[in-house]
Amino acid sequence: MATKIQVAMRAALLVGGFAMVTGCAKPVTKEELDAVRATAEAAQNAANAAQRTATQAQQAASGAQSTANQALAAAQAAQACCDATNQKLDRMFEQRQKK
């Protein structure tokens, strides 16, 4: 939404710039308006492409976060298993020492 506002503001600035350069008494020609319109459309297309790219990047980041969360859960499970195994070995060692 903000990009649409920026594009509209740029187009207005371009029209204003044309008015200043050509003088307020001289009417703006159809060619000049077409040039401004083409510039605004190109800017809008670029903004739309940037928005699509940002959306794709956000989806990729969400996928990466999900994978990282799964890896963390697996690492925590492996650590818990390792801790349990170490405790068993410690108990076995202590029992052997008592005999």
C-alpha atoms as a PDB file:
ATOM      1  CA  MET A   1       0.000   0.000   0.000  1.00  0.00           C
ATOM      2  CA  ALA A   2       2.827   2.372   0.879  1.00  0.00           C
ATOM      3  CA  THR A   3       4.489   1.672  -2.451  1.00  0.00           C
ATOM      4  CA  LYS A   4       1.336   2.702  -4.316  1.00  0.00           C
ATOM      5  CA  ILE A   5       1.331   5.980  -2.433  1.00  0.00           C
ATOM      6  CA  GLN A   6       5.002   6.495  -3.247  1.00  0.00           C
ATOM      7  CA  VAL A   7       4.354   5.822  -6.930  1.00  0.00           C
ATOM      8  CA  ALA A   8       1.456   8.281  -6.959  1.00  0.00           C
ATOM      9  CA  MET A   9       3.604  10.900  -5.246  1.00  0.00           C
ATOM     10  CA  ARG A  10       6.411  10.385  -7.757  1.00  0.00           C
ATOM     11  CA  ALA A  11       3.983  10.728 -10.640  1.00  0.00           C
ATOM     12  CA  ALA A  12       2.607  13.935  -9.118  1.00  0.00           C
ATOM     13  CA  LEU A  13       6.144  15.258  -8.703  1.00  0.00           C
ATOM     14  CA  LEU A  14       6.907  14.435 -12.319  1.00  0.00           C
ATOM     15  CA  VAL A  15       3.791  16.266 -13.505  1.00  0.00           C
ATOM     16  CA  GLY A  16       4.695  19.172 -11.242  1.00  0.00           C
ATOM     17  CA  GLY A  17       8.230  19.118 -12.608  1.00  0.00           C
ATOM     18  CA  PHE A  18       6.910  19.219 -16.151  1.00  0.00           C
ATOM     19  CA  ALA A  19       4.693  22.143 -15.227  1.00  0.00           C
ATOM     20  CA  MET A  20       7.644  24.050 -13.756  1.00  0.00           C
ATOM     21  CA  VAL A  21       9.940  23.324 -16.667  1.00  0.00           C
ATOM     22  CA  THR A  22       7.394  24.066 -19.352  1.00  0.00           C
ATOM     23  CA  GLY A  23       5.792  26.943 -17.484  1.00  0.00           C
ATOM     24  CA  CYS A  24       2.323  27.080 -16.021  1.00  0.00           C
ATOM     25  CA  ALA A  25       0.899  29.007 -18.972  1.00  0.00           C
ATOM     26  CA  LYS A  26       1.748  26.226 -21.390  1.00  0.00           C
ATOM     27  CA  PRO A  27      -0.649  23.250 -21.254  1.00  0.00           C
ATOM     28  CA  VAL A  28       0.786  19.810 -20.747  1.00  0.00           C
ATOM     29  CA  THR A  29       0.726  17.810 -23.959  1.00  0.00           C
ATOM     30  CA  LYS A  30      -0.690  14.325 -24.372  1.00  0.00           C
ATOM     31  CA  GLU A  31       2.810  13.016 -25.077  1.00  0.00           C
ATOM     32  CA  GLU A  32       4.063  14.445 -21.802  1.00  0.00           C
ATOM     33  CA  LEU A  33       1.165  12.903 -19.905  1.00  0.00           C
ATOM     34  CA  ASP A  34       1.773   9.596 -21.669  1.00  0.00           C
ATOM     35  CA  ALA A  35       5.423   9.742 -20.650  1.00  0.00           C
ATOM     36  CA  VAL A  36       4.454  10.395 -17.035  1.00  0.00           C
ATOM     37  CA  ARG A  37       1.879   7.608 -17.174  1.00  0.00           C
ATOM     38  CA  ALA A  38       4.452   5.197 -18.630  1.00  0.00           C
ATOM     39  CA  THR A  39       6.922   6.129 -15.885  1.00  0.00           C
ATOM     40  CA  ALA A  40       4.268   5.645 -13.210  1.00  0.00           C
ATOM     41  CA  GLU A  41       3.239   2.285 -14.676  1.00  0.00           C
ATOM     42  CA  ALA A  42       6.857   1.148 -14.832  1.00  0.00           C
ATOM     43  CA  ALA A  43       7.336   2.210 -11.219  1.00  0.00           C
ATOM     44  CA  GLN A  44       4.155   0.375 -10.222  1.00  0.00           C
ATOM     45  CA  ASN A  45       5.320  -2.766 -12.049  1.00  0.00           C
ATOM     46  CA  ALA A  46       8.672  -2.565 -10.293  1.00  0.00           C
ATOM     47  CA  ALA A  47       6.927  -2.112  -6.932  1.00  0.00           C
ATOM     48  CA  ASN A  48       4.683  -5.110  -7.625  1.00  0.00           C
ATOM     49  CA  ALA A  49       7.704  -7.235  -8.554  1.00  0.00           C
ATOM     50  CA  ALA A  50       9.493  -6.129  -5.382  1.00  0.00           C
ATOM     51  CA  GLN A  51       6.419  -7.045  -3.342  1.00  0.00           C
ATOM     52  CA  ARG A  52       6.294 -10.511  -4.932  1.00  0.00           C
ATOM     53  CA  THR A  53      10.000 -10.992  -4.221  1.00  0.00           C
ATOM     54  CA  ALA A  54       9.536  -9.888  -0.610  1.00  0.00           C
ATOM     55  CA  THR A  55       6.630 -12.295  -0.195  1.00  0.00           C
ATOM     56  CA  GLN A  56       8.702 -15.154  -1.604  1.00  0.00           C
ATOM     57  CA  ALA A  57      11.596 -14.246   0.696  1.00  0.00           C
ATOM     58  CA  GLN A  58       9.247 -14.202   3.680  1.00  0.00           C
ATOM     59  CA  GLN A  59       7.917 -17.651   2.734  1.00  0.00           C
ATOM     60  CA  ALA A  60      11.465 -18.973   2.370  1.00  0.00           C
ATOM     61  CA  ALA A  61      12.372 -17.516   5.758  1.00  0.00           C
ATOM     62  CA  SER A  62       9.330 -19.169   7.329  1.00  0.00           C
ATOM     63  CA  GLY A  63      10.371 -22.495   5.821  1.00  0.00           C
ATOM     64  CA  ALA A  64      13.901 -22.060   7.118  1.00  0.00           C
ATOM     65  CA  GLN A  65      12.582 -21.208  10.594  1.00  0.00           C
ATOM     66  CA  SER A  66      10.421 -24.328  10.569  1.00  0.00           C
ATOM     67  CA  THR A  67      13.405 -26.466   9.567  1.00  0.00           C
ATOM     68  CA  ALA A  68      15.524 -24.858  12.282  1.00  0.00           C
ATOM     69  CA  ASN A  69      12.813 -25.547  14.867  1.00  0.00           C
ATOM     70  CA  GLN A  70      12.694 -29.200  13.789  1.00  0.00           C
ATOM     71  CA  ALA A  71      16.487 -29.451  14.008  1.00  0.00           C
ATOM     72  CA  LEU A  72      16.427 -27.904  17.486  1.00  0.00           C
ATOM     73  CA  ALA A  73      13.783 -30.380  18.636  1.00  0.00           C
ATOM     74  CA  ALA A  74      15.824 -33.286  17.247  1.00  0.00           C
ATOM     75  CA  ALA A  75      18.989 -31.989  18.924  1.00  0.00           C
ATOM     76  CA  GLN A  76      17.201 -31.627  22.248  1.00  0.00           C
ATOM     77  CA  ALA A  77      15.830 -35.176  21.965  1.00  0.00           C
ATOM     78  CA  ALA A  78      19.299 -36.485  21.149  1.00  0.00           C
ATOM     79  CA  GLN A  79      20.753 -34.614  24.124  1.00  0.00           C
ATOM     80  CA  ALA A  80      18.080 -36.038  26.426  1.00  0.00           C
ATOM     81  CA  CYS A  81      18.886 -39.550  25.158  1.00  0.00           C
ATOM     82  CA  CYS A  82      22.607 -38.937  25.686  1.00  0.00           C
ATOM     83  CA  ASP A  83      21.984 -37.646  29.202  1.00  0.00           C
ATOM     84  CA  ALA A  84      19.859 -40.691  30.019  1.00  0.00           C
ATOM     85  CA  THR A  85      22.545 -43.030  28.678  1.00  0.00           C
ATOM     86  CA  ASN A  86      25.231 -41.280  30.735  1.00  0.00           C
ATOM     87  CA  GLN A  87      23.096 -41.576  33.865  1.00  0.00           C
ATOM     88  CA  LYS A  88      22.621 -45.310  33.239  1.00  0.00           C
ATOM     89  CA  LEU A  89      26.351 -45.785  32.772  1.00  0.00           C
ATOM     90  CA  ASP A  90      27.075 -43.817  35.940  1.00  0.00           C
ATOM     91  CA  ARG A  91      24.628 -45.960  37.915  1.00  0.00           C
ATOM     92  CA  MET A  92      26.143 -49.139  36.475  1.00  0.00           C
ATOM     93  CA  PHE A  93      29.638 -47.954  37.378  1.00  0.00           C
ATOM     94  CA  GLU A  94      28.573 -47.054  40.916  1.00  0.00           C
ATOM     95  CA  GLN A  95      26.937 -50.447  41.370  1.00  0.00           C
ATOM     96  CA  ARG A  96      30.106 -52.192  40.176  1.00  0.00           C
ATOM     97  CA  GLN A  97      32.180 -50.165  42.616  1.00  0.00           C
ATOM     98  CA  LYS A  98      29.953 -51.169  45.559  1.00  0.00           C
ATOM     99  CA  LYS A  99      30.478 -54.897  44.927  1.00  0.00           C
END
